[in-house]
Amino acid sequence: MSAMYVVQSYQPGKRGAVVADTPVEARDLVHAKQLAERLAGRKPLVIAFVREGDAITGDFEDPKLIVAYGELPEELNEMQRM
């Protein structure tokens, strides 16, 4: 089983919504936190999360939130925290 660290930033959309940018894979937990913090200065919402699983079979557990900057939409607010 391996861990995949992802940083997802969002940009302002229409009517106060946010639109997802292309996600970025981080090397490890520390890199994910650093990248999220750096992007938070320019983006209204940034989250970093980890998914544990098997890349060969494609079986992954639900994502776990590492850190969030900005106001989380309701669907992301329910994400399990590390």
Protein backbone atom coordinates (compact mmCIF):
# COMPACT_ATOMS: atom_id res chain seq x y z
CA MET A 1 0.00 0.00 0.00
CA SER A 2 1.30 3.44 -0.86
CA ALA A 3 0.27 7.00 -0.11
CA MET A 4 -0.54 9.62 -2.72
CA TYR A 5 -0.31 13.24 -1.53
CA VAL A 6 -2.33 15.78 -3.50
CA VAL A 7 -2.68 19.56 -3.33
CA GLN A 8 -5.85 20.97 -4.89
CA SER A 9 -6.23 24.70 -5.37
CA TYR A 10 -9.31 26.58 -6.53
CA GLN A 11 -9.87 29.87 -8.32
CA PRO A 12 -12.81 32.25 -8.06
CA GLY A 13 -15.77 31.31 -10.24
CA LYS A 14 -19.11 32.88 -11.02
CA ARG A 15 -21.47 33.98 -8.25
CA GLY A 16 -19.04 33.30 -5.42
CA ALA A 17 -18.34 29.71 -6.43
CA VAL A 18 -14.86 28.27 -6.69
CA VAL A 19 -13.48 26.30 -9.64
CA ALA A 20 -10.88 23.56 -9.22
CA ASP A 21 -7.43 24.03 -10.73
CA THR A 22 -5.41 21.04 -11.94
CA PRO A 23 -4.37 19.00 -8.87
CA VAL A 24 -0.67 18.70 -8.06
CA GLU A 25 0.91 15.55 -6.63
CA ALA A 26 3.31 16.20 -3.75
CA ARG A 27 6.30 14.04 -2.80
CA ASP A 28 5.33 13.56 0.84
CA LEU A 29 3.40 15.04 3.77
CA VAL A 30 5.81 17.91 4.36
CA HIS A 31 5.90 18.85 0.68
CA ALA A 32 2.07 18.80 0.52
CA LYS A 33 1.81 21.16 3.51
CA GLN A 34 4.44 23.53 2.12
CA LEU A 35 2.89 23.65 -1.34
CA ALA A 36 -0.60 24.25 0.07
CA GLU A 37 0.66 27.07 2.29
CA ARG A 38 2.48 28.71 -0.63
CA LEU A 39 -0.60 28.55 -2.89
CA ALA A 40 -2.89 29.85 -0.14
CA GLY A 41 -1.47 33.36 -0.61
CA ARG A 42 -2.84 33.48 -4.18
CA LYS A 43 -5.93 31.25 -4.13
CA PRO A 44 -9.25 31.55 -2.25
CA LEU A 45 -9.22 27.84 -1.33
CA VAL A 46 -6.43 25.27 -1.14
CA ILE A 47 -6.58 21.79 0.32
CA ALA A 48 -3.98 19.08 0.74
CA PHE A 49 -5.05 15.48 1.20
CA VAL A 50 -3.66 11.96 1.17
CA ARG A 51 -5.06 8.75 -0.32
CA GLU A 52 -3.69 5.38 0.71
CA GLY A 53 -3.99 2.47 -1.68
CA ASP A 54 -2.61 0.24 -4.34
CA ALA A 55 -1.59 2.02 -7.55
CA ILE A 56 -1.44 -1.26 -9.46
CA THR A 57 -5.04 -2.31 -8.76
CA GLY A 58 -6.39 1.25 -8.44
CA ASP A 59 -7.96 0.47 -5.07
CA PHE A 60 -7.69 3.52 -2.82
CA GLU A 61 -9.20 4.46 0.53
CA ASP A 62 -11.21 7.64 0.93
CA PRO A 63 -9.06 10.79 1.00
CA LYS A 64 -7.99 12.26 4.34
CA LEU A 65 -7.60 16.01 4.69
CA ILE A 66 -4.13 17.18 5.72
CA VAL A 67 -4.69 20.94 5.71
CA ALA A 68 -7.13 23.47 4.27
CA TYR A 69 -6.82 27.20 3.63
CA GLY A 70 -10.04 29.08 2.92
CA GLU A 71 -13.70 28.24 3.42
CA LEU A 72 -14.47 24.62 2.58
CA PRO A 73 -17.59 23.83 0.55
CA GLU A 74 -20.01 21.52 2.33
CA GLU A 75 -18.99 18.42 0.33
CA LEU A 76 -15.33 18.90 1.30
CA ASN A 77 -16.17 19.79 4.89
CA GLU A 78 -17.22 16.17 5.43
CA MET A 79 -13.80 14.81 4.40
CA GLN A 80 -12.11 12.78 7.13
CA ARG A 81 -9.16 14.55 8.74
CA MET A 82 -5.74 13.08 9.40
